[in-house]
PDB file of N, CA and C in Angstrom:
ATOM      1  N   MET A   1      68.294-105.049 168.693  1.00  0.00           N
ATOM      2  CA  MET A   1      67.090-105.852 168.897  1.00  0.00           C
ATOM      3  C   MET A   1      66.739-105.866 170.380  1.00  0.00           C
ATOM      4  N   SER A   2      65.466-105.847 170.634  1.00  0.00           N
ATOM      5  CA  SER A   2      65.031-105.894 172.029  1.00  0.00           C
ATOM      6  C   SER A   2      65.070-107.332 172.545  1.00  0.00           C
ATOM      7  N   ALA A   3      64.993-107.485 173.835  1.00  0.00           N
ATOM      8  CA  ALA A   3      65.051-108.815 174.446  1.00  0.00           C
ATOM      9  C   ALA A   3      63.861-109.672 174.021  1.00  0.00           C
ATOM     10  N   SER A   4      62.683-109.054 173.889  1.00  0.00           N
ATOM     11  CA  SER A   4      61.509-109.831 173.497  1.00  0.00           C
ATOM     12  C   SER A   4      61.627-110.322 172.054  1.00  0.00           C
ATOM     13  N   ALA A   5      62.248-109.525 171.191  1.00  0.00           N
ATOM     14  CA  ALA A   5      62.446-109.950 169.805  1.00  0.00           C
ATOM     15  C   ALA A   5      63.421-111.125 169.735  1.00  0.00           C
ATOM     16  N   ILE A   6      64.455-111.102 170.534  1.00  0.00           N
ATOM     17  CA  ILE A   6      65.426-112.195 170.554  1.00  0.00           C
ATOM     18  C   ILE A   6      64.775-113.468 171.077  1.00  0.00           C
ATOM     19  N   VAL A   7      63.970-113.336 172.123  1.00  0.00           N
ATOM     20  CA  VAL A   7      63.285-114.510 172.674  1.00  0.00           C
ATOM     21  C   VAL A   7      62.342-115.103 171.642  1.00  0.00           C
ATOM     22  N   MET A   8      61.573-114.260 170.953  1.00  0.00           N
ATOM     23  CA  MET A   8      60.651-114.758 169.929  1.00  0.00           C
ATOM     24  C   MET A   8      61.413-115.418 168.777  1.00  0.00           C
ATOM     25  N   MET A   9      62.567-114.872 168.397  1.00  0.00           N
ATOM     26  CA  MET A   9      63.377-115.461 167.335  1.00  0.00           C
ATOM     27  C   MET A   9      63.876-116.837 167.764  1.00  0.00           C
ATOM     28  N   ILE A  10      64.321-116.957 168.994  1.00  0.00           N
ATOM     29  CA  ILE A  10      64.808-118.247 169.491  1.00  0.00           C
ATOM     30  C   ILE A  10      63.671-119.267 169.533  1.00  0.00           C
ATOM     31  N   VAL A  11      62.497-118.844 169.974  1.00  0.00           N
ATOM     32  CA  VAL A  11      61.339-119.741 170.019  1.00  0.00           C
ATOM     33  C   VAL A  11      60.989-120.220 168.615  1.00  0.00           C
ATOM     34  N   ALA A  12      60.986-119.324 167.638  1.00  0.00           N
ATOM     35  CA  ALA A  12      60.668-119.696 166.262  1.00  0.00           C
ATOM     36  C   ALA A  12      61.696-120.668 165.701  1.00  0.00           C
ATOM     37  N   ILE A  13      62.969-120.424 165.969  1.00  0.00           N
ATOM     38  CA  ILE A  13      64.025-121.313 165.483  1.00  0.00           C
ATOM     39  C   ILE A  13      63.884-122.698 166.098  1.00  0.00           C
ATOM     40  N   VAL A  14      63.596-122.755 167.393  1.00  0.00           N
ATOM     41  CA  VAL A  14      63.437-124.048 168.063  1.00  0.00           C
ATOM     42  C   VAL A  14      62.240-124.812 167.493  1.00  0.00           C
ATOM     43  N   ILE A  15      61.152-124.106 167.218  1.00  0.00           N
ATOM     44  CA  ILE A  15      59.967-124.771 166.662  1.00  0.00           C
ATOM     45  C   ILE A  15      60.265-125.337 165.279  1.00  0.00           C
ATOM     46  N   VAL A  16      60.903-124.544 164.414  1.00  0.00           N
ATOM     47  CA  VAL A  16      61.180-124.990 163.045  1.00  0.00           C
ATOM     48  C   VAL A  16      62.175-126.145 163.044  1.00  0.00           C
ATOM     49  N   TRP A  17      63.309-125.973 163.709  1.00  0.00           N
ATOM     50  CA  TRP A  17      64.324-127.031 163.703  1.00  0.00           C
ATOM     51  C   TRP A  17      63.859-128.261 164.477  1.00  0.00           C
ATOM     52  N   GLY A  18      63.094-128.058 165.542  1.00  0.00           N
ATOM     53  CA  GLY A  18      62.558-129.191 166.294  1.00  0.00           C
ATOM     54  C   GLY A  18      61.593-130.006 165.451  1.00  0.00           C
ATOM     55  N   GLY A  19      60.750-129.324 164.672  1.00  0.00           N
ATOM     56  CA  GLY A  19      59.844-130.034 163.771  1.00  0.00           C
ATOM     57  C   GLY A  19      60.593-130.802 162.698  1.00  0.00           C
ATOM     58  N   LEU A  20      61.643-130.205 162.170  1.00  0.00           N
ATOM     59  CA  LEU A  20      62.457-130.887 161.157  1.00  0.00           C
ATOM     60  C   LEU A  20      63.107-132.136 161.735  1.00  0.00           C
ATOM     61  N   ILE A  21      63.684-132.020 162.911  1.00  0.00           N
ATOM     62  CA  ILE A  21      64.335-133.170 163.547  1.00  0.00           C
ATOM     63  C   ILE A  21      63.317-134.248 163.885  1.00  0.00           C
ATOM     64  N   ALA A  22      62.147-133.850 164.382  1.00  0.00           N
ATOM     65  CA  ALA A  22      61.100-134.827 164.697  1.00  0.00           C
ATOM     66  C   ALA A  22      60.635-135.560 163.445  1.00  0.00           C
ATOM     67  N   ALA A  23      60.492-134.838 162.336  1.00  0.00           N
ATOM     68  CA  ALA A  23      60.073-135.469 161.083  1.00  0.00           C
ATOM     69  C   ALA A  23      61.126-136.458 160.586  1.00  0.00           C
ATOM     70  N   ILE A  24      62.391-136.088 160.685  1.00  0.00           N
ATOM     71  CA  ILE A  24      63.470-136.989 160.247  1.00  0.00           C
ATOM     72  C   ILE A  24      63.500-138.241 161.108  1.00  0.00           C
ATOM     73  N   LEU A  25      63.385-138.077 162.420  1.00  0.00           N
ATOM     74  CA  LEU A  25      63.404-139.239 163.315  1.00  0.00           C
ATOM     75  C   LEU A  25      62.212-140.148 163.066  1.00  0.00           C
ATOM     76  N   ARG A  26      61.036-139.556 162.799  1.00  0.00           N
ATOM     77  CA  ARG A  26      59.845-140.369 162.533  1.00  0.00           C
ATOM     78  C   ARG A  26      59.998-141.145 161.224  1.00  0.00           C
ATOM     79  N   LEU A  27      60.537-140.495 160.198  1.00  0.00           N
ATOM     80  CA  LEU A  27      60.719-141.193 158.922  1.00  0.00           C
ATOM     81  C   LEU A  27      61.787-142.283 159.024  1.00  0.00           C
ATOM     82  N   ARG A  28      62.793-142.071 159.863  1.00  0.00           N
ATOM     83  CA  ARG A  28      63.808-143.109 160.036  1.00  0.00           C
ATOM     84  C   ARG A  28      63.237-144.325 160.743  1.00  0.00           C
ATOM     85  N   SER A  29      62.320-144.121 161.685  1.00  0.00           N
ATOM     86  CA  SER A  29      61.765-145.245 162.427  1.00  0.00           C
ATOM     87  C   SER A  29      60.567-145.870 161.715  1.00  0.00           C
ATOM     88  N   HIS A  30      59.868-145.100 160.874  1.00  0.00           N
ATOM     89  CA  HIS A  30      58.717-145.601 160.113  1.00  0.00           C
ATOM     90  C   HIS A  30      58.864-145.175 158.651  1.00  0.00           C
ATOM     91  N   PRO A  31      59.740-145.839 157.894  1.00  0.00           N
ATOM     92  CA  PRO A  31      59.935-145.411 156.501  1.00  0.00           C
ATOM     93  C   PRO A  31      58.664-145.617 155.675  1.00  0.00           C
ATOM     94  N   GLN A  32      58.516-144.780 154.649  1.00  0.00           N
ATOM     95  CA  GLN A  32      57.361-144.893 153.778  1.00  0.00           C
ATOM     96  C   GLN A  32      57.480-146.176 152.961  1.00  0.00           C
ATOM     97  N   GLU A  33      56.370-146.884 152.868  1.00  0.00           N
ATOM     98  CA  GLU A  33      56.376-148.108 152.082  1.00  0.00           C
ATOM     99  C   GLU A  33      56.140-147.751 150.623  1.00  0.00           C
ATOM    100  N   THR A  34      56.950-148.326 149.751  1.00  0.00           N
ATOM    101  CA  THR A  34      56.768-148.067 148.333  1.00  0.00           C
ATOM    102  C   THR A  34      55.674-148.974 147.791  1.00  0.00           C
ATOM    103  N   GLU A  35      54.926-148.466 146.839  1.00  0.00           N
ATOM    104  CA  GLU A  35      53.862-149.264 146.239  1.00  0.00           C
ATOM    105  C   GLU A  35      54.486-150.285 145.291  1.00  0.00           C
ATOM    106  N   PRO A  36      53.953-151.501 145.273  1.00  0.00           N
ATOM    107  CA  PRO A  36      54.500-152.494 144.342  1.00  0.00           C
ATOM    108  C   PRO A  36      54.228-152.090 142.902  1.00  0.00           C
ATOM    109  N   MET A  37      55.155-152.422 142.018  1.00  0.00           N
ATOM    110  CA  MET A  37      54.992-152.096 140.614  1.00  0.00           C
ATOM    111  C   MET A  37      53.985-153.061 139.990  1.00  0.00           C
ATOM    112  N   PRO A  38      53.129-152.570 139.104  1.00  0.00           N
ATOM    113  CA  PRO A  38      52.202-153.469 138.419  1.00  0.00           C
ATOM    114  C   PRO A  38      52.967-154.446 137.528  1.00  0.00           C
ATOM    115  N   PRO A  39      52.393-155.598 137.246  1.00  0.00           N
ATOM    116  CA  PRO A  39      53.087-156.561 136.391  1.00  0.00           C
ATOM    117  C   PRO A  39      53.394-155.966 135.018  1.00  0.00           C
ATOM    118  N   GLY A  40      54.566-156.245 134.512  1.00  0.00           N
ATOM    119  CA  GLY A  40      54.963-155.792 133.189  1.00  0.00           C
ATOM    120  C   GLY A  40      55.535-154.388 133.144  1.00  0.00           C
ATOM    121  N   VAL A  41      55.591-153.695 134.285  1.00  0.00           N
ATOM    122  CA  VAL A  41      56.129-152.335 134.321  1.00  0.00           C
ATOM    123  C   VAL A  41      57.496-152.388 134.972  1.00  0.00           C
ATOM    124  N   HIS A  42      58.479-151.737 134.345  1.00  0.00           N
ATOM    125  CA  HIS A  42      59.848-151.737 134.865  1.00  0.00           C
ATOM    126  C   HIS A  42      60.215-150.326 135.295  1.00  0.00           C
ATOM    127  N   ARG A  43      61.083-150.261 136.287  1.00  0.00           N
ATOM    128  CA  ARG A  43      61.550-148.952 136.766  1.00  0.00           C
ATOM    129  C   ARG A  43      62.504-148.340 135.740  1.00  0.00           C
ATOM    130  N   ALA A  44      62.396-147.037 135.547  1.00  0.00           N
ATOM    131  CA  ALA A  44      63.336-146.331 134.678  1.00  0.00           C
ATOM    132  C   ALA A  44      64.624-146.111 135.457  1.00  0.00           C
ATOM    133  N   GLU A  45      65.732-146.391 134.824  1.00  0.00           N
ATOM    134  CA  GLU A  45      67.019-146.220 135.508  1.00  0.00           C
ATOM    135  C   GLU A  45      67.828-145.133 134.882  1.00  0.00           C
TER     136      GLU A  45
END
């Protein structure tokens, strides 16, 4: 592999994994709110 191909591969890996880590950190600090269940409806277990 050429040096430019290795650099591009590293950049792509950093972008993908960085986005994944950023998404996880954002969801941990701002969890999704669940919608309240309508009256008379029970959760399936």
